[in-house]
Amino acid sequence: MPDEIEEKVLTVLASVKRIPRESIRLDSALQELGVDSLDTIVLVSELEDQMKIVISDEAVRSIRSVRDIVEGVRKLAPRLPLNSAAAVE
């Protein structure tokens, strides 16, 4: 069963790509889902806004799969103080 972060990433990705959430697996490659560079920017922006985090450009360039996104957000989430943003070094 997906945790809160995984669920949020899957939901946002499904919304950005306008595909059924059920068609996205953790091990899905972004390329396999038809995610291009513009989609990635929109996805990252949505996640940053909704989760109050900042994902570095370097981190964005290394994203290849849904799992990469979930793990990246998960690294930031524990460091989130209430009502403020965390940033990737």
C-alpha atoms as a PDB file:
ATOM      1  CA  MET A   1       0.000   0.000   0.000  1.00  0.00           C
ATOM      2  CA  PRO A   2       1.428   3.402  -0.977  1.00  0.00           C
ATOM      3  CA  ASP A   3       2.429   5.821   1.768  1.00  0.00           C
ATOM      4  CA  GLU A   4       1.365   9.481   1.784  1.00  0.00           C
ATOM      5  CA  ILE A   5       4.340  10.714  -0.257  1.00  0.00           C
ATOM      6  CA  GLU A   6       4.059   7.954  -2.842  1.00  0.00           C
ATOM      7  CA  GLU A   7       0.323   8.584  -3.171  1.00  0.00           C
ATOM      8  CA  LYS A   8       0.866  12.332  -3.645  1.00  0.00           C
ATOM      9  CA  VAL A   9       3.531  11.797  -6.340  1.00  0.00           C
ATOM     10  CA  LEU A  10       1.347   9.289  -8.211  1.00  0.00           C
ATOM     11  CA  THR A  11      -1.685  11.572  -8.015  1.00  0.00           C
ATOM     12  CA  VAL A  12       0.200  14.651  -9.228  1.00  0.00           C
ATOM     13  CA  LEU A  13       1.864  12.697 -12.036  1.00  0.00           C
ATOM     14  CA  ALA A  14      -1.487  11.291 -13.164  1.00  0.00           C
ATOM     15  CA  SER A  15      -2.926  14.807 -13.172  1.00  0.00           C
ATOM     16  CA  VAL A  16      -0.003  16.323 -15.094  1.00  0.00           C
ATOM     17  CA  LYS A  17      -0.066  13.567 -17.743  1.00  0.00           C
ATOM     18  CA  ARG A  18      -3.859  13.164 -17.663  1.00  0.00           C
ATOM     19  CA  ILE A  19      -3.550   9.406 -17.358  1.00  0.00           C
ATOM     20  CA  PRO A  20      -5.239   7.002 -14.935  1.00  0.00           C
ATOM     21  CA  ARG A  21      -3.416   6.881 -11.624  1.00  0.00           C
ATOM     22  CA  GLU A  22      -3.731   3.089 -11.678  1.00  0.00           C
ATOM     23  CA  SER A  23      -1.585   2.934 -14.829  1.00  0.00           C
ATOM     24  CA  ILE A  24       1.441   4.360 -12.993  1.00  0.00           C
ATOM     25  CA  ARG A  25       3.781   2.009 -11.146  1.00  0.00           C
ATOM     26  CA  LEU A  26       6.664   2.940  -8.886  1.00  0.00           C
ATOM     27  CA  ASP A  27       9.069   1.309 -11.311  1.00  0.00           C
ATOM     28  CA  SER A  28       7.609   3.076 -14.355  1.00  0.00           C
ATOM     29  CA  ALA A  29      10.212   4.999 -16.312  1.00  0.00           C
ATOM     30  CA  LEU A  30       9.105   8.565 -16.991  1.00  0.00           C
ATOM     31  CA  GLN A  31       9.896   8.055 -20.678  1.00  0.00           C
ATOM     32  CA  GLU A  32       7.600   5.002 -20.709  1.00  0.00           C
ATOM     33  CA  LEU A  33       4.783   7.226 -19.389  1.00  0.00           C
ATOM     34  CA  GLY A  34       5.426   9.834 -22.069  1.00  0.00           C
ATOM     35  CA  VAL A  35       6.825  12.392 -19.627  1.00  0.00           C
ATOM     36  CA  ASP A  36       8.922  14.957 -21.476  1.00  0.00           C
ATOM     37  CA  SER A  37      11.057  17.787 -20.101  1.00  0.00           C
ATOM     38  CA  LEU A  38       8.125  20.221 -19.921  1.00  0.00           C
ATOM     39  CA  ASP A  39       6.009  17.639 -18.071  1.00  0.00           C
ATOM     40  CA  THR A  40       8.891  17.157 -15.628  1.00  0.00           C
ATOM     41  CA  ILE A  41       9.044  20.897 -14.928  1.00  0.00           C
ATOM     42  CA  VAL A  42       5.277  21.034 -14.345  1.00  0.00           C
ATOM     43  CA  LEU A  43       5.405  17.911 -12.148  1.00  0.00           C
ATOM     44  CA  VAL A  44       8.267  19.227 -10.015  1.00  0.00           C
ATOM     45  CA  SER A  45       6.597  22.626  -9.693  1.00  0.00           C
ATOM     46  CA  GLU A  46       3.324  21.026  -8.560  1.00  0.00           C
ATOM     47  CA  LEU A  47       5.116  18.844  -6.010  1.00  0.00           C
ATOM     48  CA  GLU A  48       7.119  21.805  -4.699  1.00  0.00           C
ATOM     49  CA  ASP A  49       3.939  23.870  -4.293  1.00  0.00           C
ATOM     50  CA  GLN A  50       1.861  21.135  -2.691  1.00  0.00           C
ATOM     51  CA  MET A  51       4.555  19.727  -0.414  1.00  0.00           C
ATOM     52  CA  LYS A  52       6.282  23.036   0.390  1.00  0.00           C
ATOM     53  CA  ILE A  53       9.711  21.767  -0.698  1.00  0.00           C
ATOM     54  CA  VAL A  54      12.378  22.937  -3.144  1.00  0.00           C
ATOM     55  CA  ILE A  55      13.936  20.420  -5.526  1.00  0.00           C
ATOM     56  CA  SER A  56      17.282  21.439  -7.000  1.00  0.00           C
ATOM     57  CA  ASP A  57      17.860  21.563 -10.758  1.00  0.00           C
ATOM     58  CA  GLU A  58      20.581  18.940 -10.307  1.00  0.00           C
ATOM     59  CA  ALA A  59      18.112  16.591  -8.622  1.00  0.00           C
ATOM     60  CA  VAL A  60      15.568  17.164 -11.392  1.00  0.00           C
ATOM     61  CA  ARG A  61      18.124  16.231 -14.056  1.00  0.00           C
ATOM     62  CA  SER A  62      18.729  12.862 -12.375  1.00  0.00           C
ATOM     63  CA  ILE A  63      15.045  11.820 -12.342  1.00  0.00           C
ATOM     64  CA  ARG A  64      14.406   8.809 -14.577  1.00  0.00           C
ATOM     65  CA  SER A  65      11.552   6.945 -12.872  1.00  0.00           C
ATOM     66  CA  VAL A  66       8.587   7.432 -10.599  1.00  0.00           C
ATOM     67  CA  ARG A  67      10.630   5.801  -7.827  1.00  0.00           C
ATOM     68  CA  ASP A  68      13.346   8.479  -8.276  1.00  0.00           C
ATOM     69  CA  ILE A  69      10.749  11.172  -7.634  1.00  0.00           C
ATOM     70  CA  VAL A  70       9.246   9.423  -4.607  1.00  0.00           C
ATOM     71  CA  GLU A  71      12.659   8.802  -3.035  1.00  0.00           C
ATOM     72  CA  GLY A  72      13.745  12.388  -3.685  1.00  0.00           C
ATOM     73  CA  VAL A  73      10.616  13.838  -2.093  1.00  0.00           C
ATOM     74  CA  ARG A  74      10.877  11.358   0.786  1.00  0.00           C
ATOM     75  CA  LYS A  75      14.404  12.648   1.545  1.00  0.00           C
ATOM     76  CA  LEU A  76      13.037  16.167   1.857  1.00  0.00           C
ATOM     77  CA  ALA A  77       9.829  15.383   3.723  1.00  0.00           C
ATOM     78  CA  PRO A  78      11.350  14.428   7.106  1.00  0.00           C
ATOM     79  CA  ARG A  79      13.186  17.733   7.172  1.00  0.00           C
ATOM     80  CA  LEU A  80      10.050  19.791   6.704  1.00  0.00           C
ATOM     81  CA  PRO A  81       9.415  22.104   9.628  1.00  0.00           C
ATOM     82  CA  LEU A  82       5.809  23.184   9.969  1.00  0.00           C
ATOM     83  CA  ASN A  83       4.788  25.994   7.589  1.00  0.00           C
ATOM     84  CA  SER A  84       8.157  26.407   5.886  1.00  0.00           C
ATOM     85  CA  ALA A  85      10.014  25.092   2.849  1.00  0.00           C
ATOM     86  CA  ALA A  86      12.934  22.669   2.777  1.00  0.00           C
ATOM     87  CA  ALA A  87      15.569  22.774   0.065  1.00  0.00           C
ATOM     88  CA  VAL A  88      17.798  20.157  -1.481  1.00  0.00           C
ATOM     89  CA  GLU A  89      21.462  21.022  -1.031  1.00  0.00           C
END
